């Protein structure tokens, strides 16, 4: 059995590996010096870690520029890890495609990251317009500042909501970001009552989003679907029609997963 000192060293080594990997994700192609600086490790340690990851097939080095980058092996692991969510992706893709065709705006699917109070973007349809919100698959945003996050939270047990809010830091990312538990909790109550979540410049300046939950056969909110508009292209006159449509499509996706509604959402 490893002694405590050895365990500490092992943990430190793992942290350094993931620090380098996350730096590569954020910065794509990077030099050894840049990675060492971002990962806060020595160049010698970073070089040793990179060589190991190259041998394992996770990292590649451009010999001409001497820059390092990730291979698609991590993507492959990620794709296999969500294989059990294939039914969800299939159900969501059909309704997301419909919403995209009807509106031409950015459509996103998000699921809860249970390790951090964040929503993970797992599927999307880009806007038909040049000026639009751009999301990145795999990106994680705070639950409290996104319509996706609110839609994932609002239909959960109040005790779970309280527990999750107690772990939130309420970082500010836009002019109208919610910054305290009471305001968020009241927003979640309103979200559940009206059947959809909404945020206006809470996650990103100049952007307005509307989202609905997607339920599984047990009635659990396993995902949320959103539509994002630039403020200048959002029409209050069309809002009732948009809300009716996204709620209806969210129900369709839930039904595909075996959910039997109990008058939870009314388009």
Protein backbone atom coordinates (compact mmCIF):
# COMPACT_ATOMS: atom_id res chain seq x y z
CA UNK A 1 0.00 0.00 0.00
CA UNK A 2 1.31 3.44 -0.92
CA UNK A 3 2.34 5.65 1.96
CA UNK A 4 0.74 9.13 2.39
CA UNK A 5 3.76 10.89 0.91
CA UNK A 6 3.64 8.74 -2.22
CA UNK A 7 -0.12 9.31 -2.54
CA UNK A 8 0.46 13.06 -2.37
CA UNK A 9 3.07 12.83 -5.12
CA UNK A 10 0.73 10.75 -7.27
CA UNK A 11 -2.09 13.28 -6.87
CA UNK A 12 0.27 16.11 -7.78
CA UNK A 13 1.36 14.27 -10.92
CA UNK A 14 -2.25 13.69 -12.01
CA UNK A 15 -3.06 17.36 -11.42
CA UNK A 16 -0.13 18.38 -13.61
CA UNK A 17 -1.26 16.06 -16.43
CA UNK A 18 -4.75 17.51 -16.46
CA UNK A 19 -3.41 21.03 -16.15
CA UNK A 20 -1.40 20.50 -19.34
CA UNK A 21 -4.38 18.90 -21.11
CA UNK A 22 -6.72 21.74 -20.18
CA UNK A 23 -4.13 24.27 -21.33
CA UNK A 24 -3.99 22.52 -24.70
CA UNK A 25 -7.78 22.56 -24.94
CA UNK A 26 -7.92 26.29 -24.27
CA UNK A 27 -4.97 27.29 -26.44
CA UNK A 28 -4.97 24.69 -29.25
CA UNK A 29 -1.36 24.75 -30.47
CA UNK A 30 1.15 25.83 -27.81
CA UNK A 31 4.88 25.91 -27.23
CA UNK A 32 6.56 24.09 -24.37
CA UNK A 33 7.26 27.37 -22.58
CA UNK A 34 3.63 28.51 -22.91
CA UNK A 35 2.30 25.21 -21.57
CA UNK A 36 4.72 25.19 -18.66
CA UNK A 37 3.64 28.71 -17.78
CA UNK A 38 -0.10 28.01 -18.11
CA UNK A 39 0.14 24.74 -16.20
CA UNK A 40 2.43 26.33 -13.60
CA UNK A 41 5.01 23.55 -13.85
CA UNK A 42 8.66 23.51 -14.82
CA UNK A 43 9.61 23.13 -18.49
CA UNK A 44 11.37 19.85 -17.67
CA UNK A 45 8.26 18.40 -16.02
CA UNK A 46 5.99 19.66 -18.80
CA UNK A 47 8.30 18.18 -21.44
CA UNK A 48 8.26 14.80 -19.69
CA UNK A 49 4.46 14.83 -19.43
CA UNK A 50 4.06 15.83 -23.07
CA UNK A 51 6.36 13.04 -24.26
CA UNK A 52 4.29 10.52 -22.30
CA UNK A 53 1.05 11.86 -23.75
CA UNK A 54 2.55 11.71 -27.25
CA UNK A 55 3.46 8.05 -26.68
CA UNK A 56 -0.11 7.37 -25.53
CA UNK A 57 -1.54 9.11 -28.59
CA UNK A 58 -3.25 12.05 -26.88
CA UNK A 59 -0.84 14.77 -27.97
CA UNK A 60 1.06 15.49 -31.17
CA UNK A 61 4.00 17.78 -31.88
CA UNK A 62 4.50 19.86 -34.99
CA UNK A 63 8.22 19.46 -35.66
CA UNK A 64 8.34 22.57 -37.85
CA UNK A 65 6.83 24.98 -35.30
CA UNK A 66 7.69 22.93 -32.19
CA UNK A 67 4.13 23.47 -30.97
CA UNK A 68 2.01 20.84 -29.25
CA UNK A 69 -1.65 20.05 -29.83
CA UNK A 70 -4.27 17.47 -28.91
CA UNK A 71 -5.12 14.56 -31.19
CA UNK A 72 -8.68 13.28 -31.66
CA UNK A 73 -8.16 10.49 -29.12
CA UNK A 74 -9.70 12.56 -26.32
CA UNK A 75 -12.68 13.31 -28.53
CA UNK A 76 -13.07 9.59 -29.12
CA UNK A 77 -13.11 8.94 -25.38
CA UNK A 78 -15.68 11.67 -24.89
CA UNK A 79 -17.87 10.32 -27.66
CA UNK A 80 -17.82 6.83 -26.14
CA UNK A 81 -18.62 8.23 -22.70
CA UNK A 82 -21.91 9.70 -23.94
CA UNK A 83 -22.94 6.54 -25.81
CA UNK A 84 -25.56 5.91 -23.12
CA UNK A 85 -27.06 9.29 -23.99
CA UNK A 86 -27.64 8.36 -27.61
CA UNK A 87 -31.41 8.18 -27.10
CA UNK A 88 -31.37 11.70 -25.69
CA UNK A 89 -29.31 13.05 -28.59
CA UNK A 90 -31.58 11.33 -31.10
CA UNK A 91 -34.74 12.71 -29.48
CA UNK A 92 -33.29 16.20 -29.08
CA UNK A 93 -31.78 16.41 -32.56
CA UNK A 94 -35.13 16.02 -34.29
CA UNK A 95 -36.79 18.86 -32.40
CA UNK A 96 -33.69 21.05 -32.51
CA UNK A 97 -33.64 20.71 -36.30
CA UNK A 98 -37.30 21.80 -36.43
CA UNK A 99 -36.66 24.81 -34.18
CA UNK A 100 -33.62 25.76 -36.27
CA UNK A 101 -35.64 25.63 -39.49
CA UNK A 102 -38.49 27.65 -38.01
CA UNK A 103 -36.38 30.43 -36.48
CA UNK A 104 -32.94 30.42 -38.10
CA UNK A 105 -31.41 31.16 -34.68
CA UNK A 106 -28.81 29.32 -32.60
CA UNK A 107 -30.22 26.20 -30.92
CA UNK A 108 -28.35 24.47 -28.07
CA UNK A 109 -28.68 21.33 -25.99
CA UNK A 110 -27.20 21.21 -22.51
CA UNK A 111 -26.86 18.69 -19.70
CA UNK A 112 -25.91 19.12 -16.05
CA UNK A 113 -22.28 18.79 -15.00
CA UNK A 114 -22.67 17.27 -11.55
CA UNK A 115 -19.08 17.92 -10.50
CA UNK A 116 -19.37 21.70 -10.91
CA UNK A 117 -22.59 23.70 -10.94
CA UNK A 118 -22.44 24.16 -14.68
CA UNK A 119 -24.24 23.23 -17.89
CA UNK A 120 -22.33 21.39 -20.63
CA UNK A 121 -23.16 22.09 -24.29
CA UNK A 122 -23.54 18.70 -25.97
CA UNK A 123 -25.30 19.46 -29.27
CA UNK A 124 -26.12 22.54 -31.33
CA UNK A 125 -27.50 24.01 -34.53
CA UNK A 126 -25.75 27.19 -35.60
CA UNK A 127 -27.71 30.27 -36.61
CA UNK A 128 -28.47 30.93 -40.26
CA UNK A 129 -27.39 34.55 -39.71
CA UNK A 130 -23.86 35.96 -39.75
CA UNK A 131 -24.38 37.92 -36.53
CA UNK A 132 -25.32 35.37 -33.89
CA UNK A 133 -24.36 33.70 -30.64
CA UNK A 134 -21.62 31.10 -31.16
CA UNK A 135 -21.45 28.17 -28.75
CA UNK A 136 -18.77 25.48 -28.50
CA UNK A 137 -19.54 21.82 -27.94
CA UNK A 138 -18.13 20.75 -24.60
CA UNK A 139 -18.16 24.27 -23.25
CA UNK A 140 -19.37 24.64 -19.67
CA UNK A 141 -21.25 27.68 -18.40
CA UNK A 142 -22.56 28.42 -14.90
CA UNK A 143 -26.10 27.22 -14.14
CA UNK A 144 -27.15 30.49 -12.53
CA UNK A 145 -26.52 32.71 -15.55
CA UNK A 146 -27.89 30.62 -18.43
CA UNK A 147 -31.41 29.76 -19.53
CA UNK A 148 -30.23 26.17 -20.03
CA UNK A 149 -29.00 26.04 -16.45
CA UNK A 150 -32.23 27.48 -15.07
CA UNK A 151 -34.30 25.00 -17.09
CA UNK A 152 -32.19 22.14 -15.69
CA UNK A 153 -32.57 23.42 -12.13
CA UNK A 154 -36.17 24.62 -11.87
CA UNK A 155 -37.87 21.20 -12.02
CA UNK A 156 -35.64 19.61 -9.38
CA UNK A 157 -36.39 18.98 -5.74
CA UNK A 158 -36.16 22.21 -3.67
CA UNK A 159 -33.60 20.60 -1.35
CA UNK A 160 -31.38 19.72 -4.30
CA UNK A 161 -31.73 23.26 -5.65
CA UNK A 162 -30.71 24.68 -2.26
CA UNK A 163 -27.70 22.33 -2.07
CA UNK A 164 -26.56 23.31 -5.56
CA UNK A 165 -27.01 27.02 -4.90
CA UNK A 166 -24.92 26.74 -1.73
CA UNK A 167 -21.99 25.63 -3.89
CA UNK A 168 -22.37 28.40 -6.47
CA UNK A 169 -19.96 31.33 -6.58
CA UNK A 170 -22.30 33.50 -8.69
CA UNK A 171 -19.54 34.85 -10.91
CA UNK A 172 -20.59 37.79 -13.07
CA UNK A 173 -20.22 37.43 -16.84
CA UNK A 174 -22.70 39.97 -18.26
CA UNK A 175 -24.64 43.13 -17.30
CA UNK A 176 -27.63 41.31 -15.78
CA UNK A 177 -26.03 38.23 -14.19
CA UNK A 178 -27.86 37.05 -11.06
CA UNK A 179 -25.53 37.41 -8.09
CA UNK A 180 -27.38 35.95 -5.09
CA UNK A 181 -29.33 32.85 -4.06
CA UNK A 182 -32.65 34.52 -3.26
CA UNK A 183 -32.93 36.15 -6.68
CA UNK A 184 -32.02 32.91 -8.42
CA UNK A 185 -34.47 30.85 -6.35
CA UNK A 186 -37.31 33.27 -7.13
CA UNK A 187 -36.36 33.14 -10.81
CA UNK A 188 -36.50 29.33 -10.73
CA UNK A 189 -39.97 29.41 -9.16
CA UNK A 190 -41.16 31.75 -11.92
CA UNK A 191 -39.48 29.54 -14.52
CA UNK A 192 -41.35 26.43 -13.40
CA UNK A 193 -44.67 28.27 -13.16
CA UNK A 194 -44.54 29.64 -16.72
CA UNK A 195 -42.95 26.52 -18.24
CA UNK A 196 -39.74 27.98 -19.66
CA UNK A 197 -36.50 29.64 -18.56
CA UNK A 198 -35.30 32.98 -19.84
CA UNK A 199 -32.25 35.16 -19.49
CA UNK A 200 -31.54 38.59 -20.94
CA UNK A 201 -27.85 39.56 -20.95
CA UNK A 202 -27.16 37.37 -17.90
CA UNK A 203 -24.58 35.14 -19.57
CA UNK A 204 -23.42 37.28 -22.48
CA UNK A 205 -23.93 40.96 -23.31
CA UNK A 206 -26.31 41.52 -26.21
CA UNK A 207 -27.83 38.02 -26.07
CA UNK A 208 -31.26 36.80 -24.99
CA UNK A 209 -32.08 33.10 -24.50
CA UNK A 210 -35.16 30.99 -23.84
CA UNK A 211 -34.93 27.33 -22.73
CA UNK A 212 -37.12 24.38 -21.80
CA UNK A 213 -36.32 21.15 -19.96
CA UNK A 214 -36.34 17.70 -21.54
CA UNK A 215 -37.57 14.93 -19.22
CA UNK A 216 -36.78 11.22 -19.23
CA UNK A 217 -39.25 8.38 -18.58
CA UNK A 218 -38.93 8.96 -14.82
CA UNK A 219 -39.78 12.64 -15.11
CA UNK A 220 -36.24 13.82 -14.45
CA UNK A 221 -34.90 16.89 -16.30
CA UNK A 222 -32.02 15.18 -18.09
CA UNK A 223 -31.33 18.00 -20.55
CA UNK A 224 -32.48 21.41 -21.68
CA UNK A 225 -32.90 22.98 -25.12
CA UNK A 226 -32.46 26.68 -25.78
CA UNK A 227 -32.79 29.25 -28.51
CA UNK A 228 -30.47 32.27 -28.49
CA UNK A 229 -31.12 35.64 -30.10
CA UNK A 230 -29.04 38.78 -30.47
CA UNK A 231 -31.07 41.46 -28.69
CA UNK A 232 -31.49 43.52 -31.85
CA UNK A 233 -33.15 40.56 -33.63
CA UNK A 234 -35.54 39.55 -30.86
CA UNK A 235 -39.17 40.51 -31.47
CA UNK A 236 -41.53 40.88 -28.50
CA UNK A 237 -44.41 40.45 -30.91
CA UNK A 238 -43.17 36.99 -31.85
CA UNK A 239 -42.30 35.97 -28.28
CA UNK A 240 -45.60 34.15 -27.54
CA UNK A 241 -45.25 32.15 -30.76
CA UNK A 242 -41.61 31.28 -30.01
CA UNK A 243 -42.44 30.18 -26.46
CA UNK A 244 -45.36 28.04 -27.62
CA UNK A 245 -43.14 26.40 -30.23
CA UNK A 246 -40.14 25.64 -28.01
CA UNK A 247 -42.35 24.25 -25.21
CA UNK A 248 -44.17 22.01 -27.70
CA UNK A 249 -40.89 20.76 -29.16
CA UNK A 250 -39.45 20.19 -25.69
CA UNK A 251 -42.50 18.06 -24.90
CA UNK A 252 -41.98 16.09 -28.11
CA UNK A 253 -38.40 15.29 -27.12
CA UNK A 254 -39.53 14.27 -23.62
CA UNK A 255 -42.26 12.03 -25.04
CA UNK A 256 -39.67 10.33 -27.25
CA UNK A 257 -37.78 9.44 -24.07
CA UNK A 258 -40.90 7.87 -22.54
CA UNK A 259 -42.02 10.79 -20.43
CA UNK A 260 -45.74 11.01 -19.63
CA UNK A 261 -46.61 14.63 -18.79
CA UNK A 262 -48.67 15.50 -15.76
CA UNK A 263 -49.75 18.99 -16.83
CA UNK A 264 -46.22 20.22 -16.08
CA UNK A 265 -45.83 22.32 -19.18
CA UNK A 266 -48.64 23.95 -21.10
CA UNK A 267 -47.78 25.49 -24.48
